[in-house]
Amino acid sequence: MCTLEKHGDVFILTLTGSSDLDEHRFSPPVIDSILAALSQARAQATPGSVLITTSHGKFFSNGFDLAWAQAAGSRTGARERLHHMIEIFKPIVAAMISLPMPTVAAVNGHAAAAGFVLVLSHDYALMRGDKGVLYMSEVDIGLTLPDYFAALFRAKIGSALVRRDILLRATKIKGEEAVKMGIVDSAHDSMEEVTEASLRLGKELASKKWSGEVYAEIRKSLYPELCGVLGLVEKAVIANSSL
């Protein structure tokens, strides 16, 4: 599940679990919890708001809850459950791309598959250099990519060679490598350093007091293909009262 706390202008969305080994898998209840938190942040947004997403324990997120899908008891049932998770996770990516505030992923552990997708849905990503990897497991486990996954990777990772290694070689990428590849902004030596750096960045962005609506529309304009897949429509916004 997740929690949402507000400290001044900074919202902190935390993926929570029962132990440090909780993988923060995206089951339908977890997806619903995240969507509710994003909706709350959107409703409470003011100029200068920022969202930081983090997690408890060893994992940021290990992706969809495949055990829940397999518990359906049949191949057809498992596929239907997986398809359901793919469909209801799409609004999370849409909500992140249209959220009226800057967003920062504080990646303090492993982020795989849909967990990696959640990281890329943020404007900024900070990661541990000592532990944790980014990993797209689909080619290893025999699953194709949802259309919005592929569109997000094309939008956020400019190098075709990097995308090839992530998606067609299932390369597990550590923090310093991720910085060199242009996937994350910085790598840090511990969970505490990731948290501190994310908060510094969040407060710096909050101090700008930007219009969230303008910020969201500019973000959307950067990724037209992705927004088309997500069903997001751009609109013109003028927040300057002197114009």
C-alpha atoms as a PDB file:
ATOM      1  CA  MET A   1       0.000   0.000   0.000  1.00  0.00           C
ATOM      2  CA  CYS A   2       1.121   3.620   0.292  1.00  0.00           C
ATOM      3  CA  THR A   3       0.913   6.730   2.441  1.00  0.00           C
ATOM      4  CA  LEU A   4       0.859  10.417   1.488  1.00  0.00           C
ATOM      5  CA  GLU A   5       2.288  13.051   3.801  1.00  0.00           C
ATOM      6  CA  LYS A   6       2.630  16.793   3.256  1.00  0.00           C
ATOM      7  CA  HIS A   7       5.567  18.754   4.630  1.00  0.00           C
ATOM      8  CA  GLY A   8       5.159  22.367   3.627  1.00  0.00           C
ATOM      9  CA  ASP A   9       4.921  22.365  -0.164  1.00  0.00           C
ATOM     10  CA  VAL A  10       6.377  18.848  -0.507  1.00  0.00           C
ATOM     11  CA  PHE A  11       4.145  15.785  -0.763  1.00  0.00           C
ATOM     12  CA  ILE A  12       5.868  12.507   0.110  1.00  0.00           C
ATOM     13  CA  LEU A  13       4.251   9.369  -1.312  1.00  0.00           C
ATOM     14  CA  THR A  14       5.724   6.274   0.347  1.00  0.00           C
ATOM     15  CA  LEU A  15       5.213   2.694  -0.798  1.00  0.00           C
ATOM     16  CA  THR A  16       4.776   0.777   2.446  1.00  0.00           C
ATOM     17  CA  GLY A  17       4.894  -2.889   3.367  1.00  0.00           C
ATOM     18  CA  SER A  18       4.938  -5.345   6.222  1.00  0.00           C
ATOM     19  CA  SER A  19       8.744  -5.727   6.292  1.00  0.00           C
ATOM     20  CA  ASP A  20      12.000  -4.501   4.785  1.00  0.00           C
ATOM     21  CA  LEU A  21      11.746  -7.382   2.288  1.00  0.00           C
ATOM     22  CA  ASP A  22       8.337  -6.290   0.989  1.00  0.00           C
ATOM     23  CA  GLU A  23       8.662  -6.018  -2.799  1.00  0.00           C
ATOM     24  CA  HIS A  24       5.866  -3.426  -3.128  1.00  0.00           C
ATOM     25  CA  ARG A  25       4.225  -5.418  -5.896  1.00  0.00           C
ATOM     26  CA  PHE A  26       1.422  -3.655  -7.749  1.00  0.00           C
ATOM     27  CA  SER A  27      -1.723  -5.635  -6.950  1.00  0.00           C
ATOM     28  CA  PRO A  28      -5.117  -4.002  -7.618  1.00  0.00           C
ATOM     29  CA  PRO A  29      -5.439  -2.735  -4.003  1.00  0.00           C
ATOM     30  CA  VAL A  30      -1.939  -1.196  -4.146  1.00  0.00           C
ATOM     31  CA  ILE A  31      -2.682   0.427  -7.503  1.00  0.00           C
ATOM     32  CA  ASP A  32      -5.938   1.831  -6.103  1.00  0.00           C
ATOM     33  CA  SER A  33      -4.033   3.167  -3.082  1.00  0.00           C
ATOM     34  CA  ILE A  34      -1.481   4.968  -5.271  1.00  0.00           C
ATOM     35  CA  LEU A  35      -4.179   6.444  -7.498  1.00  0.00           C
ATOM     36  CA  ALA A  36      -6.030   7.732  -4.439  1.00  0.00           C
ATOM     37  CA  ALA A  37      -2.826   9.354  -3.126  1.00  0.00           C
ATOM     38  CA  LEU A  38      -2.127  11.028  -6.478  1.00  0.00           C
ATOM     39  CA  SER A  39      -5.710  12.267  -6.619  1.00  0.00           C
ATOM     40  CA  GLN A  40      -5.326  13.726  -3.131  1.00  0.00           C
ATOM     41  CA  ALA A  41      -2.061  15.451  -4.075  1.00  0.00           C
ATOM     42  CA  ARG A  42      -3.682  16.886  -7.204  1.00  0.00           C
ATOM     43  CA  ALA A  43      -6.647  18.194  -5.201  1.00  0.00           C
ATOM     44  CA  GLN A  44      -4.386  19.848  -2.610  1.00  0.00           C
ATOM     45  CA  ALA A  45      -1.814  21.230  -5.074  1.00  0.00           C
ATOM     46  CA  THR A  46      -0.832  24.889  -4.865  1.00  0.00           C
ATOM     47  CA  PRO A  47       1.855  26.898  -6.702  1.00  0.00           C
ATOM     48  CA  GLY A  48       5.144  25.429  -5.495  1.00  0.00           C
ATOM     49  CA  SER A  49       3.876  21.926  -4.741  1.00  0.00           C
ATOM     50  CA  VAL A  50       6.265  19.016  -5.377  1.00  0.00           C
ATOM     51  CA  LEU A  51       5.782  15.234  -5.137  1.00  0.00           C
ATOM     52  CA  ILE A  52       8.521  12.866  -3.956  1.00  0.00           C
ATOM     53  CA  THR A  53       7.888   9.110  -4.273  1.00  0.00           C
ATOM     54  CA  THR A  54       9.899   6.683  -2.167  1.00  0.00           C
ATOM     55  CA  SER A  55       9.505   3.328  -0.431  1.00  0.00           C
ATOM     56  CA  HIS A  56      10.329   1.383   2.705  1.00  0.00           C
ATOM     57  CA  GLY A  57      12.947  -1.358   2.718  1.00  0.00           C
ATOM     58  CA  LYS A  58      15.065  -3.098   0.118  1.00  0.00           C
ATOM     59  CA  PHE A  59      12.747  -2.601  -2.861  1.00  0.00           C
ATOM     60  CA  PHE A  60      11.324   0.438  -4.615  1.00  0.00           C
ATOM     61  CA  SER A  61       8.936  -1.879  -6.474  1.00  0.00           C
ATOM     62  CA  ASN A  62       9.325  -5.250  -8.163  1.00  0.00           C
ATOM     63  CA  GLY A  63       6.420  -4.601 -10.545  1.00  0.00           C
ATOM     64  CA  PHE A  64       3.064  -6.291 -10.958  1.00  0.00           C
ATOM     65  CA  ASP A  65       1.853  -8.879  -8.455  1.00  0.00           C
ATOM     66  CA  LEU A  66       2.363 -11.933 -10.660  1.00  0.00           C
ATOM     67  CA  ALA A  67       1.608 -14.271  -7.757  1.00  0.00           C
ATOM     68  CA  TRP A  68      -1.878 -12.763  -7.553  1.00  0.00           C
ATOM     69  CA  ALA A  69      -2.318 -13.333 -11.287  1.00  0.00           C
ATOM     70  CA  GLN A  70      -1.134 -16.950 -11.066  1.00  0.00           C
ATOM     71  CA  ALA A  71      -3.454 -17.588  -8.110  1.00  0.00           C
ATOM     72  CA  ALA A  72      -6.373 -17.425 -10.551  1.00  0.00           C
ATOM     73  CA  GLY A  73      -5.831 -21.169 -10.994  1.00  0.00           C
ATOM     74  CA  SER A  74      -5.829 -21.341 -14.784  1.00  0.00           C
ATOM     75  CA  ARG A  75      -3.774 -19.915 -17.634  1.00  0.00           C
ATOM     76  CA  THR A  76      -6.771 -17.962 -18.899  1.00  0.00           C
ATOM     77  CA  GLY A  77      -7.528 -16.586 -15.466  1.00  0.00           C
ATOM     78  CA  ALA A  78      -3.894 -15.609 -14.904  1.00  0.00           C
ATOM     79  CA  ARG A  79      -3.752 -13.773 -18.213  1.00  0.00           C
ATOM     80  CA  GLU A  80      -6.993 -11.953 -17.444  1.00  0.00           C
ATOM     81  CA  ARG A  81      -5.662 -10.841 -14.079  1.00  0.00           C
ATOM     82  CA  LEU A  82      -2.380  -9.670 -15.607  1.00  0.00           C
ATOM     83  CA  HIS A  83      -4.254  -7.742 -18.298  1.00  0.00           C
ATOM     84  CA  HIS A  84      -6.408  -6.182 -15.575  1.00  0.00           C
ATOM     85  CA  MET A  85      -3.323  -4.949 -13.692  1.00  0.00           C
ATOM     86  CA  ILE A  86      -1.837  -3.549 -16.902  1.00  0.00           C
ATOM     87  CA  GLU A  87      -5.048  -1.646 -17.632  1.00  0.00           C
ATOM     88  CA  ILE A  88      -5.523  -0.189 -14.152  1.00  0.00           C
ATOM     89  CA  PHE A  89      -1.836   0.788 -13.836  1.00  0.00           C
ATOM     90  CA  LYS A  90      -2.068   2.939 -16.975  1.00  0.00           C
ATOM     91  CA  PRO A  91      -3.981   5.705 -15.109  1.00  0.00           C
ATOM     92  CA  ILE A  92      -1.055   5.953 -12.659  1.00  0.00           C
ATOM     93  CA  VAL A  93       1.325   6.812 -15.506  1.00  0.00           C
ATOM     94  CA  ALA A  94      -1.264   9.230 -16.940  1.00  0.00           C
ATOM     95  CA  ALA A  95      -1.693  10.842 -13.528  1.00  0.00           C
ATOM     96  CA  MET A  96       2.069  11.283 -13.119  1.00  0.00           C
ATOM     97  CA  ILE A  97       2.504  12.830 -16.571  1.00  0.00           C
ATOM     98  CA  SER A  98      -0.387  15.243 -15.961  1.00  0.00           C
ATOM     99  CA  LEU A  99       0.248  15.966 -12.262  1.00  0.00           C
ATOM    100  CA  PRO A 100       0.374  19.738 -11.661  1.00  0.00           C
ATOM    101  CA  MET A 101       3.714  19.786  -9.876  1.00  0.00           C
ATOM    102  CA  PRO A 102       7.324  18.608 -10.345  1.00  0.00           C
ATOM    103  CA  THR A 103       7.887  14.975  -9.366  1.00  0.00           C
ATOM    104  CA  VAL A 104      10.948  13.220  -7.941  1.00  0.00           C
ATOM    105  CA  ALA A 105      11.519   9.466  -7.580  1.00  0.00           C
ATOM    106  CA  ALA A 106      13.749   8.597  -4.614  1.00  0.00           C
ATOM    107  CA  VAL A 107      14.764   5.094  -5.710  1.00  0.00           C
ATOM    108  CA  ASN A 108      16.189   3.498  -2.596  1.00  0.00           C
ATOM    109  CA  GLY A 109      16.073  -0.108  -3.823  1.00  0.00           C
ATOM    110  CA  HIS A 110      15.322  -2.433  -6.717  1.00  0.00           C
ATOM    111  CA  ALA A 111      12.908  -1.108  -9.354  1.00  0.00           C
ATOM    112  CA  ALA A 112      11.827  -3.759 -11.843  1.00  0.00           C
ATOM    113  CA  ALA A 113       9.262  -3.921 -14.664  1.00  0.00           C
ATOM    114  CA  ALA A 114       6.276  -1.751 -13.672  1.00  0.00           C
ATOM    115  CA  GLY A 115       8.417  -0.463 -10.794  1.00  0.00           C
ATOM    116  CA  PHE A 116      10.936   0.821 -13.352  1.00  0.00           C
ATOM    117  CA  VAL A 117       8.017   2.331 -15.283  1.00  0.00           C
ATOM    118  CA  LEU A 118       6.899   4.199 -12.164  1.00  0.00           C
ATOM    119  CA  VAL A 119      10.416   5.619 -11.794  1.00  0.00           C
ATOM    120  CA  LEU A 120      10.418   6.859 -15.403  1.00  0.00           C
ATOM    121  CA  SER A 121       7.016   8.461 -14.896  1.00  0.00           C
ATOM    122  CA  HIS A 122       8.684  11.064 -12.658  1.00  0.00           C
ATOM    123  CA  ASP A 123      10.486  14.204 -13.828  1.00  0.00           C
ATOM    124  CA  TYR A 124      13.590  13.436 -11.774  1.00  0.00           C
ATOM    125  CA  ALA A 125      15.039  10.211 -10.402  1.00  0.00           C
ATOM    126  CA  LEU A 126      17.686   9.789  -7.714  1.00  0.00           C
ATOM    127  CA  MET A 127      19.033   6.328  -6.968  1.00  0.00           C
ATOM    128  CA  ARG A 128      21.251   4.400  -4.596  1.00  0.00           C
ATOM    129  CA  GLY A 129      24.660   3.588  -5.999  1.00  0.00           C
ATOM    130  CA  ASP A 130      25.525   0.986  -3.379  1.00  0.00           C
ATOM    131  CA  LYS A 131      22.436  -1.232  -3.732  1.00  0.00           C
ATOM    132  CA  GLY A 132      19.493  -1.647  -6.050  1.00  0.00           C
ATOM    133  CA  VAL A 133      19.070  -2.051  -9.784  1.00  0.00           C
ATOM    134  CA  LEU A 134      16.749  -0.957 -12.558  1.00  0.00           C
ATOM    135  CA  TYR A 135      15.546  -3.975 -14.534  1.00  0.00           C
ATOM    136  CA  MET A 136      12.954  -4.699 -17.208  1.00  0.00           C
ATOM    137  CA  SER A 137      12.270  -8.412 -16.874  1.00  0.00           C
ATOM    138  CA  GLU A 138       9.762  -8.898 -19.696  1.00  0.00           C
ATOM    139  CA  VAL A 139      12.062 -10.573 -22.226  1.00  0.00           C
ATOM    140  CA  ASP A 140      13.399 -12.874 -19.480  1.00  0.00           C
ATOM    141  CA  ILE A 141       9.987 -14.026 -18.289  1.00  0.00           C
ATOM    142  CA  GLY A 142       8.246 -14.068 -21.668  1.00  0.00           C
ATOM    143  CA  LEU A 143       5.900 -11.075 -21.636  1.00  0.00           C
ATOM    144  CA  THR A 144       5.445  -8.400 -24.272  1.00  0.00           C
ATOM    145  CA  LEU A 145       5.406  -4.698 -23.383  1.00  0.00           C
ATOM    146  CA  PRO A 146       2.156  -2.780 -22.967  1.00  0.00           C
ATOM    147  CA  ASP A 147       1.933   0.056 -25.485  1.00  0.00           C
ATOM    148  CA  TYR A 148       2.234   2.761 -22.832  1.00  0.00           C
ATOM    149  CA  PHE A 149       5.351   1.106 -21.356  1.00  0.00           C
ATOM    150  CA  ALA A 150       7.066   1.245 -24.746  1.00  0.00           C
ATOM    151  CA  ALA A 151       5.922   4.832 -25.366  1.00  0.00           C
ATOM    152  CA  LEU A 152       7.273   5.892 -21.955  1.00  0.00           C
ATOM    153  CA  PHE A 153      10.689   4.377 -22.669  1.00  0.00           C
ATOM    154  CA  ARG A 154      10.840   6.110 -26.052  1.00  0.00           C
ATOM    155  CA  ALA A 155       9.843   9.401 -24.430  1.00  0.00           C
ATOM    156  CA  LYS A 156      12.181   9.303 -21.457  1.00  0.00           C
ATOM    157  CA  ILE A 157      15.309   7.499 -22.744  1.00  0.00           C
ATOM    158  CA  GLY A 158      16.794   9.132 -25.825  1.00  0.00           C
ATOM    159  CA  SER A 159      19.430   6.554 -26.709  1.00  0.00           C
ATOM    160  CA  ALA A 160      18.234   3.677 -28.892  1.00  0.00           C
ATOM    161  CA  LEU A 161      21.213   1.627 -27.703  1.00  0.00           C
ATOM    162  CA  VAL A 162      20.274   2.131 -24.055  1.00  0.00           C
ATOM    163  CA  ARG A 163      16.665   1.175 -24.794  1.00  0.00           C
ATOM    164  CA  ARG A 164      17.919  -1.918 -26.615  1.00  0.00           C
ATOM    165  CA  ASP A 165      20.020  -3.021 -23.655  1.00  0.00           C
ATOM    166  CA  ILE A 166      17.199  -2.382 -21.182  1.00  0.00           C
ATOM    167  CA  LEU A 167      14.385  -4.011 -23.151  1.00  0.00           C
ATOM    168  CA  LEU A 168      16.076  -6.567 -25.426  1.00  0.00           C
ATOM    169  CA  ARG A 169      18.947  -7.679 -23.176  1.00  0.00           C
ATOM    170  CA  ALA A 170      17.204  -7.256 -19.806  1.00  0.00           C
ATOM    171  CA  THR A 171      20.321  -5.550 -18.473  1.00  0.00           C
ATOM    172  CA  LYS A 172      20.270  -4.909 -14.738  1.00  0.00           C
ATOM    173  CA  ILE A 173      21.479  -1.355 -14.261  1.00  0.00           C
ATOM    174  CA  LYS A 174      23.090  -0.064 -11.079  1.00  0.00           C
ATOM    175  CA  GLY A 175      23.061   3.545  -9.943  1.00  0.00           C
ATOM    176  CA  GLU A 176      26.276   4.897 -11.469  1.00  0.00           C
ATOM    177  CA  GLU A 177      25.531   3.135 -14.770  1.00  0.00           C
ATOM    178  CA  ALA A 178      22.034   4.601 -14.770  1.00  0.00           C
ATOM    179  CA  VAL A 179      23.496   8.101 -14.378  1.00  0.00           C
ATOM    180  CA  LYS A 180      25.892   7.553 -17.308  1.00  0.00           C
ATOM    181  CA  MET A 181      23.018   6.240 -19.433  1.00  0.00           C
ATOM    182  CA  GLY A 182      20.946   9.325 -18.689  1.00  0.00           C
ATOM    183  CA  ILE A 183      18.205   7.345 -16.932  1.00  0.00           C
ATOM    184  CA  VAL A 184      18.570   8.881 -13.464  1.00  0.00           C
ATOM    185  CA  ASP A 185      19.925  12.231 -12.327  1.00  0.00           C
ATOM    186  CA  SER A 186      22.267  11.102  -9.562  1.00  0.00           C
ATOM    187  CA  ALA A 187      23.449   8.104  -7.546  1.00  0.00           C
ATOM    188  CA  HIS A 188      24.130   8.133  -3.808  1.00  0.00           C
ATOM    189  CA  ASP A 189      25.934   5.952  -1.282  1.00  0.00           C
ATOM    190  CA  SER A 190      23.011   5.082   0.984  1.00  0.00           C
ATOM    191  CA  MET A 191      19.250   5.219   1.441  1.00  0.00           C
ATOM    192  CA  GLU A 192      19.716   8.183   3.773  1.00  0.00           C
ATOM    193  CA  GLU A 193      21.662  10.113   1.139  1.00  0.00           C
ATOM    194  CA  VAL A 194      19.009   9.415  -1.491  1.00  0.00           C
ATOM    195  CA  THR A 195      16.344  10.720   0.886  1.00  0.00           C
ATOM    196  CA  GLU A 196      18.316  13.836   1.808  1.00  0.00           C
ATOM    197  CA  ALA A 197      19.176  14.658  -1.811  1.00  0.00           C
ATOM    198  CA  SER A 198      15.565  14.144  -2.903  1.00  0.00           C
ATOM    199  CA  LEU A 199      14.297  16.463  -0.184  1.00  0.00           C
ATOM    200  CA  ARG A 200      16.864  19.120  -1.143  1.00  0.00           C
ATOM    201  CA  LEU A 201      15.791  18.902  -4.761  1.00  0.00           C
ATOM    202  CA  GLY A 202      12.119  18.946  -3.792  1.00  0.00           C
ATOM    203  CA  LYS A 203      12.531  22.080  -1.669  1.00  0.00           C
ATOM    204  CA  GLU A 204      14.565  23.760  -4.424  1.00  0.00           C
ATOM    205  CA  LEU A 205      11.820  23.081  -6.964  1.00  0.00           C
ATOM    206  CA  ALA A 206       9.104  24.143  -4.517  1.00  0.00           C
ATOM    207  CA  SER A 207      10.834  27.495  -3.979  1.00  0.00           C
ATOM    208  CA  LYS A 208      10.134  28.394  -7.621  1.00  0.00           C
ATOM    209  CA  LYS A 209       6.401  28.660  -6.872  1.00  0.00           C
ATOM    210  CA  TRP A 210       5.553  27.690 -10.429  1.00  0.00           C
ATOM    211  CA  SER A 211       1.969  27.339 -11.602  1.00  0.00           C
ATOM    212  CA  GLY A 212       1.250  23.629 -11.434  1.00  0.00           C
ATOM    213  CA  GLU A 213      -1.207  23.791 -14.325  1.00  0.00           C
ATOM    214  CA  VAL A 214       1.352  25.468 -16.585  1.00  0.00           C
ATOM    215  CA  TYR A 215       4.045  23.017 -15.468  1.00  0.00           C
ATOM    216  CA  ALA A 216       1.845  20.013 -16.292  1.00  0.00           C
ATOM    217  CA  GLU A 217       0.969  21.332 -19.748  1.00  0.00           C
ATOM    218  CA  ILE A 218       4.618  22.013 -20.614  1.00  0.00           C
ATOM    219  CA  ARG A 219       5.494  18.486 -19.453  1.00  0.00           C
ATOM    220  CA  LYS A 220       2.748  17.020 -21.612  1.00  0.00           C
ATOM    221  CA  SER A 221       3.981  19.006 -24.620  1.00  0.00           C
ATOM    222  CA  LEU A 222       7.383  17.296 -24.331  1.00  0.00           C
ATOM    223  CA  TYR A 223       5.913  13.821 -24.829  1.00  0.00           C
ATOM    224  CA  PRO A 224       3.191  13.998 -27.526  1.00  0.00           C
ATOM    225  CA  GLU A 225       3.378  10.324 -28.513  1.00  0.00           C
ATOM    226  CA  LEU A 226       3.176   9.168 -24.891  1.00  0.00           C
ATOM    227  CA  CYS A 227       0.279  11.525 -24.177  1.00  0.00           C
ATOM    228  CA  GLY A 228      -1.542  10.172 -27.216  1.00  0.00           C
ATOM    229  CA  VAL A 229      -1.193   6.611 -25.944  1.00  0.00           C
ATOM    230  CA  LEU A 230      -2.305   7.692 -22.464  1.00  0.00           C
ATOM    231  CA  GLY A 231      -5.265   9.674 -23.793  1.00  0.00           C
ATOM    232  CA  LEU A 232      -3.990  12.996 -22.412  1.00  0.00           C
ATOM    233  CA  VAL A 233      -4.987  16.134 -24.300  1.00  0.00           C
ATOM    234  CA  GLU A 234      -2.883  19.286 -24.251  1.00  0.00           C
ATOM    235  CA  LYS A 235      -4.461  22.653 -23.545  1.00  0.00           C
ATOM    236  CA  ALA A 236      -3.222  26.233 -23.525  1.00  0.00           C
ATOM    237  CA  VAL A 237      -2.876  27.814 -20.086  1.00  0.00           C
ATOM    238  CA  ILE A 238      -1.953  31.389 -19.195  1.00  0.00           C
ATOM    239  CA  ALA A 239      -1.294  31.800 -15.483  1.00  0.00           C
ATOM    240  CA  ASN A 240       0.278  35.265 -15.740  1.00  0.00           C
ATOM    241  CA  SER A 241      -2.439  37.685 -14.627  1.00  0.00           C
ATOM    242  CA  SER A 242      -0.798  40.610 -16.488  1.00  0.00           C
ATOM    243  CA  LEU A 243      -1.403  39.002 -19.902  1.00  0.00           C
END
